[in-house]
Amino acid sequence: MSEEQETKLEKVYTAAGQLQAHVIKGKLESEGIPVLLQYESQIFGLTVDGMGEVRIMVPGPLAERAREVIAGSEP
């Protein structure tokens, strides 16, 4: 596998705002999964028609594990 393929990021979740995104990021990082947050825009912590959404990005090889961790932490 080339270095580029190893470091390619994959979206595993779209959070409704920064607070939710940082909670998920903390959970994933506590499991040893590095996380990058991608923001569309920041509007007072609200999501309006997709604005304010935060994409949770992780390295491709860890994406399935990240989804399992997220699914296990949802109420």
C-alpha atoms as a PDB file:
ATOM      1  CA  MET A   1       0.000   0.000   0.000  1.00  0.00           C
ATOM      2  CA  SER A   2       1.413   3.419  -0.907  1.00  0.00           C
ATOM      3  CA  GLU A   3       1.941   6.119   1.702  1.00  0.00           C
ATOM      4  CA  GLU A   4      -0.822   8.235   0.102  1.00  0.00           C
ATOM      5  CA  GLN A   5      -3.365   5.409   0.471  1.00  0.00           C
ATOM      6  CA  GLU A   6      -2.361   4.890   4.102  1.00  0.00           C
ATOM      7  CA  THR A   7      -2.943   8.534   5.001  1.00  0.00           C
ATOM      8  CA  LYS A   8      -6.145   9.119   3.009  1.00  0.00           C
ATOM      9  CA  LEU A   9      -8.896  10.409   5.278  1.00  0.00           C
ATOM     10  CA  GLU A  10     -12.432   9.086   5.291  1.00  0.00           C
ATOM     11  CA  LYS A  11     -15.566  10.711   6.710  1.00  0.00           C
ATOM     12  CA  VAL A  12     -17.083   8.541   9.423  1.00  0.00           C
ATOM     13  CA  TYR A  13     -19.702  10.911  10.842  1.00  0.00           C
ATOM     14  CA  THR A  14     -21.273  14.334  10.351  1.00  0.00           C
ATOM     15  CA  ALA A  15     -21.853  16.126  13.637  1.00  0.00           C
ATOM     16  CA  ALA A  16     -24.562  18.756  14.101  1.00  0.00           C
ATOM     17  CA  GLY A  17     -22.082  21.256  15.553  1.00  0.00           C
ATOM     18  CA  GLN A  18     -18.774  21.799  17.305  1.00  0.00           C
ATOM     19  CA  LEU A  19     -19.849  20.516  20.707  1.00  0.00           C
ATOM     20  CA  GLN A  20     -20.995  17.154  19.370  1.00  0.00           C
ATOM     21  CA  ALA A  21     -17.926  16.950  17.104  1.00  0.00           C
ATOM     22  CA  HIS A  22     -15.502  17.515  19.978  1.00  0.00           C
ATOM     23  CA  VAL A  23     -17.219  14.913  22.155  1.00  0.00           C
ATOM     24  CA  ILE A  24     -16.910  12.345  19.349  1.00  0.00           C
ATOM     25  CA  LYS A  25     -13.328  13.418  18.645  1.00  0.00           C
ATOM     26  CA  GLY A  26     -12.409  12.875  22.307  1.00  0.00           C
ATOM     27  CA  LYS A  27     -14.014   9.426  22.330  1.00  0.00           C
ATOM     28  CA  LEU A  28     -12.192   8.353  19.161  1.00  0.00           C
ATOM     29  CA  GLU A  29      -8.844   9.729  20.325  1.00  0.00           C
ATOM     30  CA  SER A  30      -9.239   7.899  23.654  1.00  0.00           C
ATOM     31  CA  GLU A  31      -9.431   4.725  21.527  1.00  0.00           C
ATOM     32  CA  GLY A  32      -6.187   5.660  19.742  1.00  0.00           C
ATOM     33  CA  ILE A  33      -7.854   6.853  16.530  1.00  0.00           C
ATOM     34  CA  PRO A  34      -6.490  10.176  15.190  1.00  0.00           C
ATOM     35  CA  VAL A  35      -9.212  12.631  14.122  1.00  0.00           C
ATOM     36  CA  LEU A  36      -9.432  15.670  11.863  1.00  0.00           C
ATOM     37  CA  LEU A  37     -12.495  17.924  12.076  1.00  0.00           C
ATOM     38  CA  GLN A  38     -13.643  19.651   8.873  1.00  0.00           C
ATOM     39  CA  TYR A  39     -15.914  22.653   9.302  1.00  0.00           C
ATOM     40  CA  GLU A  40     -18.200  24.187   6.688  1.00  0.00           C
ATOM     41  CA  SER A  41     -18.799  27.344   8.703  1.00  0.00           C
ATOM     42  CA  GLN A  42     -19.303  28.458  12.267  1.00  0.00           C
ATOM     43  CA  ILE A  43     -22.605  30.118  13.088  1.00  0.00           C
ATOM     44  CA  PHE A  44     -23.093  30.430  16.833  1.00  0.00           C
ATOM     45  CA  GLY A  45     -22.939  26.665  17.306  1.00  0.00           C
ATOM     46  CA  LEU A  46     -26.160  26.085  15.335  1.00  0.00           C
ATOM     47  CA  THR A  47     -26.777  23.996  12.238  1.00  0.00           C
ATOM     48  CA  VAL A  48     -28.933  25.729   9.634  1.00  0.00           C
ATOM     49  CA  ASP A  49     -29.420  23.958   6.321  1.00  0.00           C
ATOM     50  CA  GLY A  50     -26.110  22.138   6.702  1.00  0.00           C
ATOM     51  CA  MET A  51     -24.166  25.181   7.820  1.00  0.00           C
ATOM     52  CA  GLY A  52     -22.344  24.485  11.055  1.00  0.00           C
ATOM     53  CA  GLU A  53     -21.976  20.790  10.318  1.00  0.00           C
ATOM     54  CA  VAL A  54     -18.643  19.246  11.228  1.00  0.00           C
ATOM     55  CA  ARG A  55     -17.289  16.224   9.381  1.00  0.00           C
ATOM     56  CA  ILE A  56     -15.376  13.707  11.488  1.00  0.00           C
ATOM     57  CA  MET A  57     -12.449  12.461   9.384  1.00  0.00           C
ATOM     58  CA  VAL A  58     -10.124   9.566  10.249  1.00  0.00           C
ATOM     59  CA  PRO A  59      -7.428   7.624   8.374  1.00  0.00           C
ATOM     60  CA  GLY A  60      -9.066   5.183   5.946  1.00  0.00           C
ATOM     61  CA  PRO A  61      -7.730   1.991   7.556  1.00  0.00           C
ATOM     62  CA  LEU A  62      -9.279   3.036  10.902  1.00  0.00           C
ATOM     63  CA  ALA A  63     -12.651   4.142   9.519  1.00  0.00           C
ATOM     64  CA  GLU A  64     -14.572   0.952  10.311  1.00  0.00           C
ATOM     65  CA  ARG A  65     -13.275   0.870  13.894  1.00  0.00           C
ATOM     66  CA  ALA A  66     -14.171   4.558  14.287  1.00  0.00           C
ATOM     67  CA  ARG A  67     -17.739   3.883  13.124  1.00  0.00           C
ATOM     68  CA  GLU A  68     -18.013   1.053  15.667  1.00  0.00           C
ATOM     69  CA  VAL A  69     -16.818   3.334  18.474  1.00  0.00           C
ATOM     70  CA  ILE A  70     -19.278   6.076  17.430  1.00  0.00           C
ATOM     71  CA  ALA A  71     -22.172   3.591  17.166  1.00  0.00           C
ATOM     72  CA  GLY A  72     -21.332   2.197  20.592  1.00  0.00           C
ATOM     73  CA  SER A  73     -21.374   5.637  22.206  1.00  0.00           C
ATOM     74  CA  GLU A  74     -24.720   6.821  20.793  1.00  0.00           C
ATOM     75  CA  PRO A  75     -27.730   6.585  23.119  1.00  0.00           C
END
